[in-house]
Amino acid sequence: QVQLVESGGGLVQAGGSLSLSCAASGRAFSSSLMGWFRQASGKEREFVAAIFWNGRTTYYAGSVKGRFTISRDNAKNTAYLQMNSLKPEDTAVYYCAVDGGTRYSGSYYYSPTLYAYWGQGTQVTVSS
């Protein structure tokens, strides 16, 4: 069992930065695929970024590549999403998720169905 708690959301002007954190409980975090997803009002949840369990491989959605950076510190059971050059279209509830310790290294890292545990979400609002 893994519990996830996101923090760091808020209101920021376009062009600004925010850093999200995802604190995990449970020993499975260090062997888990970890992902960030977001859901804007009236839209489906979408993939933002993922990082493999060992931290060596990362993936990004095209809309955030070059602006967002995903990282993790397994010793602290924490993952991060640094968001720079924010745009109004980045406004959404951001969720972190993990797969539960499978050491996954495949190509479906973008699929929400791969993730067994989800946080409650944190709101990010970017004003124009």
Foldseek 3Di string as FASTA:
>chain_A
DKAKAKDWADEEAAQAKIKMKIAMDDLQQLQWKKFKWWDAPPGDIWGAKIAFSPFPDMDGDPVQPPFWDKGDDSVRRMIMIIGGRDDQVVWTWMKMFIQRRPRDDDDVSGDPVNTDYMYPTDTHGYHD
